[in-house]
Amino acid sequence: MSKKADAIGIANNGEASASTPRAIEIANNRIESRDLFVATKEITIGHEGEVYRLRLTALNKLILTK
């Protein structure tokens, strides 16, 4: 069963402003990385008051840092 996330507040550092929300499809508790990294190679994630950076490397790997 597929469900659509409302507005997950993912900043698109490339073209849209950081406050522009967009919907990301979630199917079976899975989000495709290509849906996260639209026109950017880095996103920020807020978790319990902390900010984390999720980056896509030149070798197409993911790195999560605090």
C-alpha atoms as a PDB file:
ATOM      1  CA  MET A   1       0.000   0.000   0.000  1.00  0.00           C
ATOM      2  CA  SER A   2       1.447   3.356  -1.008  1.00  0.00           C
ATOM      3  CA  LYS A   3       0.834   6.530   0.951  1.00  0.00           C
ATOM      4  CA  LYS A   4       1.790  10.133   0.231  1.00  0.00           C
ATOM      5  CA  ALA A   5       3.579  12.152   2.904  1.00  0.00           C
ATOM      6  CA  ASP A   6       2.007  15.525   3.553  1.00  0.00           C
ATOM      7  CA  ALA A   7       4.781  18.112   3.465  1.00  0.00           C
ATOM      8  CA  ILE A   8       7.987  16.647   4.804  1.00  0.00           C
ATOM      9  CA  GLY A   9       9.723  20.047   4.801  1.00  0.00           C
ATOM     10  CA  ILE A  10      12.738  18.972   2.789  1.00  0.00           C
ATOM     11  CA  ALA A  11      14.719  21.994   1.685  1.00  0.00           C
ATOM     12  CA  ASN A  12      15.687  22.066  -1.952  1.00  0.00           C
ATOM     13  CA  ASN A  13      18.975  23.985  -1.820  1.00  0.00           C
ATOM     14  CA  GLY A  14      19.094  24.255  -5.605  1.00  0.00           C
ATOM     15  CA  GLU A  15      16.060  25.996  -7.015  1.00  0.00           C
ATOM     16  CA  ALA A  16      13.288  26.459  -4.461  1.00  0.00           C
ATOM     17  CA  SER A  17      13.570  28.363  -1.207  1.00  0.00           C
ATOM     18  CA  ALA A  18      14.465  26.440   1.944  1.00  0.00           C
ATOM     19  CA  SER A  19      10.942  26.945   3.295  1.00  0.00           C
ATOM     20  CA  THR A  20       9.223  25.406   0.264  1.00  0.00           C
ATOM     21  CA  PRO A  21       7.766  22.049   1.353  1.00  0.00           C
ATOM     22  CA  ARG A  22       7.278  19.211  -1.103  1.00  0.00           C
ATOM     23  CA  ALA A  23       5.614  15.823  -0.850  1.00  0.00           C
ATOM     24  CA  ILE A  24       7.700  12.652  -0.887  1.00  0.00           C
ATOM     25  CA  GLU A  25       6.124   9.289  -1.653  1.00  0.00           C
ATOM     26  CA  ILE A  26       6.523   6.655   1.063  1.00  0.00           C
ATOM     27  CA  ALA A  27       5.828   3.046   0.086  1.00  0.00           C
ATOM     28  CA  ASN A  28       6.340   0.240   2.635  1.00  0.00           C
ATOM     29  CA  ASN A  29       8.247   2.617   4.947  1.00  0.00           C
ATOM     30  CA  ARG A  30      10.756   3.353   2.164  1.00  0.00           C
ATOM     31  CA  ILE A  31      11.787   6.662   0.592  1.00  0.00           C
ATOM     32  CA  GLU A  32      13.884   6.598  -2.569  1.00  0.00           C
ATOM     33  CA  SER A  33      17.054   8.700  -2.306  1.00  0.00           C
ATOM     34  CA  ARG A  34      16.473  10.134  -5.797  1.00  0.00           C
ATOM     35  CA  ASP A  35      13.293  11.730  -4.382  1.00  0.00           C
ATOM     36  CA  LEU A  36      15.297  13.350  -1.566  1.00  0.00           C
ATOM     37  CA  PHE A  37      18.194  14.646  -3.646  1.00  0.00           C
ATOM     38  CA  VAL A  38      16.321  16.630  -6.298  1.00  0.00           C
ATOM     39  CA  ALA A  39      18.656  19.365  -7.635  1.00  0.00           C
ATOM     40  CA  THR A  40      20.911  19.097  -4.573  1.00  0.00           C
ATOM     41  CA  LYS A  41      23.533  16.833  -3.038  1.00  0.00           C
ATOM     42  CA  GLU A  42      22.776  17.642   0.606  1.00  0.00           C
ATOM     43  CA  ILE A  43      19.684  17.836   2.805  1.00  0.00           C
ATOM     44  CA  THR A  44      19.281  18.635   6.491  1.00  0.00           C
ATOM     45  CA  ILE A  45      17.234  16.550   8.910  1.00  0.00           C
ATOM     46  CA  GLY A  46      15.921  17.806  12.243  1.00  0.00           C
ATOM     47  CA  HIS A  47      15.743  15.157  14.971  1.00  0.00           C
ATOM     48  CA  GLU A  48      14.980  15.854  18.644  1.00  0.00           C
ATOM     49  CA  GLY A  49      16.289  19.404  18.433  1.00  0.00           C
ATOM     50  CA  GLU A  50      19.492  18.423  16.605  1.00  0.00           C
ATOM     51  CA  VAL A  51      20.344  19.036  12.954  1.00  0.00           C
ATOM     52  CA  TYR A  52      21.897  16.311  10.815  1.00  0.00           C
ATOM     53  CA  ARG A  53      23.276  16.569   7.263  1.00  0.00           C
ATOM     54  CA  LEU A  54      22.668  13.812   4.728  1.00  0.00           C
ATOM     55  CA  ARG A  55      25.065  14.149   1.789  1.00  0.00           C
ATOM     56  CA  LEU A  56      25.375  12.326  -1.505  1.00  0.00           C
ATOM     57  CA  THR A  57      29.061  11.808  -2.376  1.00  0.00           C
ATOM     58  CA  ALA A  58      30.775  11.844  -5.761  1.00  0.00           C
ATOM     59  CA  LEU A  59      30.867   8.018  -5.560  1.00  0.00           C
ATOM     60  CA  ASN A  60      27.065   7.946  -5.013  1.00  0.00           C
ATOM     61  CA  LYS A  61      27.327   6.987  -1.320  1.00  0.00           C
ATOM     62  CA  LEU A  62      25.336   8.496   1.548  1.00  0.00           C
ATOM     63  CA  ILE A  63      26.992  10.172   4.544  1.00  0.00           C
ATOM     64  CA  LEU A  64      25.010  11.257   7.604  1.00  0.00           C
ATOM     65  CA  THR A  65      26.736  13.689   9.995  1.00  0.00           C
ATOM     66  CA  LYS A  66      25.676  15.647  13.047  1.00  0.00           C
END
